[in-house]
Protein backbone atom coordinates (compact mmCIF):
# COMPACT_ATOMS: atom_id res chain seq x y z
CA UNK A 1 46.73 -47.29 24.21
CA UNK A 2 46.38 -50.59 22.37
CA UNK A 3 49.49 -52.20 20.90
CA UNK A 4 49.64 -55.14 18.51
CA UNK A 5 52.73 -57.12 17.47
CA UNK A 6 52.95 -58.08 13.82
CA UNK A 7 56.11 -59.34 12.14
CA UNK A 8 58.45 -57.46 14.52
CA UNK A 9 56.45 -54.23 14.12
CA UNK A 10 54.10 -52.73 16.70
CA UNK A 11 50.93 -50.90 15.72
CA UNK A 12 49.43 -48.42 18.16
CA UNK A 13 46.00 -46.89 18.27
CA UNK A 14 45.69 -43.87 20.56
CA UNK A 15 43.97 -40.55 20.94
CA UNK A 16 45.55 -37.23 20.03
CA UNK A 17 44.33 -34.02 21.52
CA UNK A 18 43.16 -31.70 18.75
CA UNK A 19 42.97 -28.10 19.92
CA UNK A 20 40.45 -25.97 18.11
CA UNK A 21 39.56 -22.33 18.69
CA UNK A 22 35.96 -23.30 19.43
CA UNK A 23 36.34 -26.66 21.13
CA UNK A 24 38.67 -29.41 22.21
CA UNK A 25 38.17 -32.96 20.95
CA UNK A 26 40.12 -36.20 20.92
CA UNK A 27 41.07 -37.73 17.60
CA UNK A 28 42.05 -41.39 17.45
CA UNK A 29 45.21 -41.87 15.39
CA UNK A 30 47.28 -44.83 14.23
CA UNK A 31 51.00 -45.16 14.98
CA UNK A 32 53.60 -47.77 14.08
CA UNK A 33 57.05 -48.63 15.42
CA UNK A 34 59.68 -51.32 15.33
CA UNK A 35 59.30 -54.00 17.99
CA UNK A 36 61.85 -52.20 20.20
CA UNK A 37 59.84 -48.94 20.01
CA UNK A 38 62.24 -47.20 17.62
CA UNK A 39 60.88 -45.28 14.63
CA UNK A 40 57.63 -44.50 16.47
CA UNK A 41 55.66 -42.88 13.63
CA UNK A 42 52.15 -41.49 13.22
CA UNK A 43 50.65 -42.84 10.00
CA UNK A 44 47.21 -41.20 10.03
CA UNK A 45 47.13 -37.64 8.68
CA UNK A 46 46.41 -34.64 10.91
CA UNK A 47 42.71 -33.74 11.30
CA UNK A 48 41.73 -37.35 10.49
CA UNK A 49 39.80 -39.60 12.87
CA UNK A 50 40.75 -43.27 12.68
CA UNK A 51 37.55 -45.19 11.89
CA UNK A 52 38.79 -48.78 11.44
CA UNK A 53 41.96 -50.72 10.76
CA UNK A 54 42.89 -54.29 9.95
CA UNK A 55 46.04 -56.23 9.16
CA UNK A 56 45.89 -58.64 6.23
CA UNK A 57 48.72 -61.08 6.83
CA UNK A 58 48.27 -62.66 3.39
CA UNK A 59 49.30 -59.32 1.80
CA UNK A 60 51.43 -58.14 4.72
CA UNK A 61 49.52 -54.86 4.75
CA UNK A 62 47.83 -52.68 7.32
CA UNK A 63 44.57 -51.27 5.94
CA UNK A 64 42.81 -48.37 7.63
CA UNK A 65 39.97 -45.94 7.07
CA UNK A 66 39.94 -42.35 8.32
CA UNK A 67 37.42 -39.53 8.32
CA UNK A 68 38.87 -36.13 7.49
CA UNK A 69 37.50 -33.12 9.36
CA UNK A 70 37.49 -31.21 6.06
CA UNK A 71 36.50 -27.82 7.49
CA UNK A 72 38.59 -28.38 10.67
CA UNK A 73 35.75 -27.36 12.98
CA UNK A 74 36.23 -30.32 15.35
CA UNK A 75 32.88 -31.81 14.30
CA UNK A 76 32.48 -34.90 12.14
CA UNK A 77 29.44 -34.66 9.89
CA UNK A 78 28.17 -35.54 6.40
CA UNK A 79 30.42 -32.94 4.75
CA UNK A 80 33.59 -34.70 5.92
CA UNK A 81 35.57 -37.02 3.63
CA UNK A 82 36.29 -40.73 4.10
CA UNK A 83 39.78 -41.91 3.11
CA UNK A 84 40.93 -45.50 2.53
CA UNK A 85 44.62 -46.17 2.97
CA UNK A 86 47.10 -48.96 3.50
CA UNK A 87 50.67 -49.45 4.59
CA UNK A 88 52.86 -52.21 3.15
CA UNK A 89 54.53 -53.64 6.25
CA UNK A 90 57.48 -54.86 4.17
CA UNK A 91 58.20 -51.32 2.93
CA UNK A 92 61.07 -50.00 5.07
CA UNK A 93 59.90 -46.39 4.50
CA UNK A 94 56.36 -47.04 5.83
CA UNK A 95 54.82 -44.94 3.07
CA UNK A 96 51.03 -44.76 3.29
CA UNK A 97 49.13 -45.31 0.04
CA UNK A 98 45.53 -44.46 -0.74
CA UNK A 99 43.14 -46.79 -2.52
CA UNK A 100 39.51 -46.93 -3.63
CA UNK A 101 37.66 -49.97 -2.25
CA UNK A 102 35.24 -49.88 -5.23
């Protein structure tokens, strides 16, 4: 588990165990909490592998990219979908928004 402190909020990156009828694989997910550990919340969707993430302090946002296992077979391949999302760290509801990077 990696934890990062940003403006009294902790971001966590950890693996989830995804159970599949055919195989078992680990998915890396992104979590966030208050500095005291309260409101520990998963922000990446289910069946999504966390690819990258970055905090832009100038915008006070957490940007991240996930790969969706679109057919839920536990394999990531060329048929899977890439999603770009961000979280406004000033938003008290921690609502994830999607965006298109161009």
